[in-house]
C-alpha atoms as a PDB file:
ATOM      1  CA  MET A   1      51.517 130.309  90.544  1.00  0.00           C
ATOM      2  CA  SER A   2      50.314 127.730  93.038  1.00  0.00           C
ATOM      3  CA  ALA A   3      50.017 128.554  96.717  1.00  0.00           C
ATOM      4  CA  SER A   4      53.050 126.408  97.510  1.00  0.00           C
ATOM      5  CA  GLY A   5      54.991 128.074  94.662  1.00  0.00           C
ATOM      6  CA  ALA A   6      54.181 131.496  96.086  1.00  0.00           C
ATOM      7  CA  LYS A   7      55.257 130.353  99.551  1.00  0.00           C
ATOM      8  CA  PHE A   8      58.573 128.978  98.239  1.00  0.00           C
ATOM      9  CA  ARG A   9      59.177 132.192  96.286  1.00  0.00           C
ATOM     10  CA  ARG A  10      58.612 134.273  99.432  1.00  0.00           C
ATOM     11  CA  ILE A  11      61.133 132.092 101.310  1.00  0.00           C
ATOM     12  CA  LEU A  12      63.664 132.689  98.518  1.00  0.00           C
ATOM     13  CA  LEU A  13      63.120 136.450  98.456  1.00  0.00           C
ATOM     14  CA  ASP A  14      63.259 136.780 102.245  1.00  0.00           C
ATOM     15  CA  PHE A  15      66.503 134.790 102.298  1.00  0.00           C
ATOM     16  CA  LEU A  16      68.051 136.991  99.606  1.00  0.00           C
ATOM     17  CA  ARG A  17      67.128 140.125 101.546  1.00  0.00           C
ATOM     18  CA  GLU A  18      68.490 138.597 104.749  1.00  0.00           C
ATOM     19  CA  ILE A  19      71.906 137.799 103.288  1.00  0.00           C
ATOM     20  CA  ARG A  20      72.104 141.248 101.678  1.00  0.00           C
ATOM     21  CA  ILE A  21      71.502 142.880 105.037  1.00  0.00           C
ATOM     22  CA  GLU A  22      73.927 140.502 106.782  1.00  0.00           C
ATOM     23  CA  ALA A  23      76.537 141.489 104.179  1.00  0.00           C
ATOM     24  CA  GLY A  24      76.047 145.075 105.318  1.00  0.00           C
ATOM     25  CA  LEU A  25      74.791 146.235 101.935  1.00  0.00           C
ATOM     26  CA  ARG A  26      71.890 148.479 101.071  1.00  0.00           C
ATOM     27  CA  GLN A  27      69.933 147.804  97.901  1.00  0.00           C
ATOM     28  CA  VAL A  28      71.828 150.605  96.174  1.00  0.00           C
ATOM     29  CA  ASP A  29      75.172 149.053  97.179  1.00  0.00           C
ATOM     30  CA  LEU A  30      74.217 145.669  95.753  1.00  0.00           C
ATOM     31  CA  ALA A  31      72.896 147.332  92.602  1.00  0.00           C
ATOM     32  CA  LYS A  32      76.251 149.069  92.089  1.00  0.00           C
ATOM     33  CA  LYS A  33      78.111 145.770  92.497  1.00  0.00           C
ATOM     34  CA  LEU A  34      75.831 144.184  89.891  1.00  0.00           C
ATOM     35  CA  ASN A  35      75.823 147.251  87.632  1.00  0.00           C
ATOM     36  CA  VAL A  36      72.020 147.405  87.611  1.00  0.00           C
ATOM     37  CA  PRO A  37      69.531 150.055  88.778  1.00  0.00           C
ATOM     38  CA  GLN A  38      68.604 150.007  92.467  1.00  0.00           C
ATOM     39  CA  ALA A  39      64.971 149.582  91.413  1.00  0.00           C
ATOM     40  CA  ARG A  40      65.824 146.112  90.069  1.00  0.00           C
ATOM     41  CA  ILE A  41      67.023 144.970  93.499  1.00  0.00           C
ATOM     42  CA  SER A  42      63.875 146.395  95.061  1.00  0.00           C
ATOM     43  CA  LYS A  43      61.711 144.563  92.511  1.00  0.00           C
ATOM     44  CA  TYR A  44      63.572 141.314  93.198  1.00  0.00           C
ATOM     45  CA  GLU A  45      62.969 141.609  96.931  1.00  0.00           C
ATOM     46  CA  LEU A  46      59.315 142.583  96.496  1.00  0.00           C
ATOM     47  CA  GLY A  47      58.719 139.699  94.114  1.00  0.00           C
ATOM     48  CA  GLU A  48      57.822 142.053  91.254  1.00  0.00           C
ATOM     49  CA  ARG A  49      60.611 140.722  89.051  1.00  0.00           C
ATOM     50  CA  ARG A  50      61.665 137.114  88.601  1.00  0.00           C
ATOM     51  CA  ILE A  51      65.282 136.134  89.124  1.00  0.00           C
ATOM     52  CA  ASP A  52      66.829 133.653  86.736  1.00  0.00           C
ATOM     53  CA  LEU A  53      69.537 131.225  87.781  1.00  0.00           C
ATOM     54  CA  LEU A  54      72.406 133.278  86.355  1.00  0.00           C
ATOM     55  CA  GLU A  55      71.156 136.427  88.098  1.00  0.00           C
ATOM     56  CA  LEU A  56      70.865 134.522  91.361  1.00  0.00           C
ATOM     57  CA  ARG A  57      74.421 133.260  90.990  1.00  0.00           C
ATOM     58  CA  ALA A  58      75.650 136.814  90.311  1.00  0.00           C
ATOM     59  CA  ILE A  59      73.803 138.116  93.369  1.00  0.00           C
ATOM     60  CA  CYS A  60      75.388 135.442  95.558  1.00  0.00           C
ATOM     61  CA  GLU A  61      78.797 136.294  94.148  1.00  0.00           C
ATOM     62  CA  ALA A  62      78.269 140.022  94.805  1.00  0.00           C
ATOM     63  CA  LEU A  63      77.228 139.213  98.373  1.00  0.00           C
ATOM     64  CA  GLU A  64      80.238 136.914  98.773  1.00  0.00           C
ATOM     65  CA  PHE A  65      77.867 134.089  99.682  1.00  0.00           C
ATOM     66  CA  PRO A  66      78.754 130.751  98.044  1.00  0.00           C
ATOM     67  CA  PHE A  67      76.074 129.827  95.526  1.00  0.00           C
ATOM     68  CA  LEU A  68      75.974 126.140  96.476  1.00  0.00           C
ATOM     69  CA  GLU A  69      75.678 127.072 100.145  1.00  0.00           C
ATOM     70  CA  PHE A  70      72.802 129.383  99.203  1.00  0.00           C
ATOM     71  CA  VAL A  71      70.982 126.564  97.404  1.00  0.00           C
ATOM     72  CA  GLU A  72      71.516 124.144 100.296  1.00  0.00           C
ATOM     73  CA  GLU A  73      70.265 126.670 102.860  1.00  0.00           C
ATOM     74  CA  LEU A  74      67.294 127.566 100.679  1.00  0.00           C
ATOM     75  CA  GLU A  75      66.314 123.895 100.426  1.00  0.00           C
ATOM     76  CA  LYS A  76      66.603 123.563 104.195  1.00  0.00           C
ATOM     77  CA  ARG A  77      64.380 126.608 104.743  1.00  0.00           C
ATOM     78  CA  ILE A  78      61.789 125.388 102.251  1.00  0.00           C
ATOM     79  CA  LYS A  79      61.616 122.027 104.025  1.00  0.00           C
ATOM     80  CA  GLU A  80      61.291 123.714 107.424  1.00  0.00           C
ATOM     81  CA  LYS A  81      58.840 126.478 106.486  1.00  0.00           C
ATOM     82  CA  GLY A  82      57.222 125.055 103.392  1.00  0.00           C
ATOM     83  CA  ASN A  83      54.942 122.601 105.149  1.00  0.00           C
END
């Protein structure tokens, strides 16, 4: 992965963690909503496991965060912090 790719990935993962915390959920709570092991959420946030588009959409849904709003905010953060 390129340096910019790694930077963008970190922005994504930090944003996911942020909205999980803002939703008042622990990793284990989100895992239960998604019917996955808590370790998977931890691996997502640590960047040890890739998230595909459908998983990302499911995470947003579980966090009650509109997917399109997530994408728009992510793009904004990448433009602000990615340079």
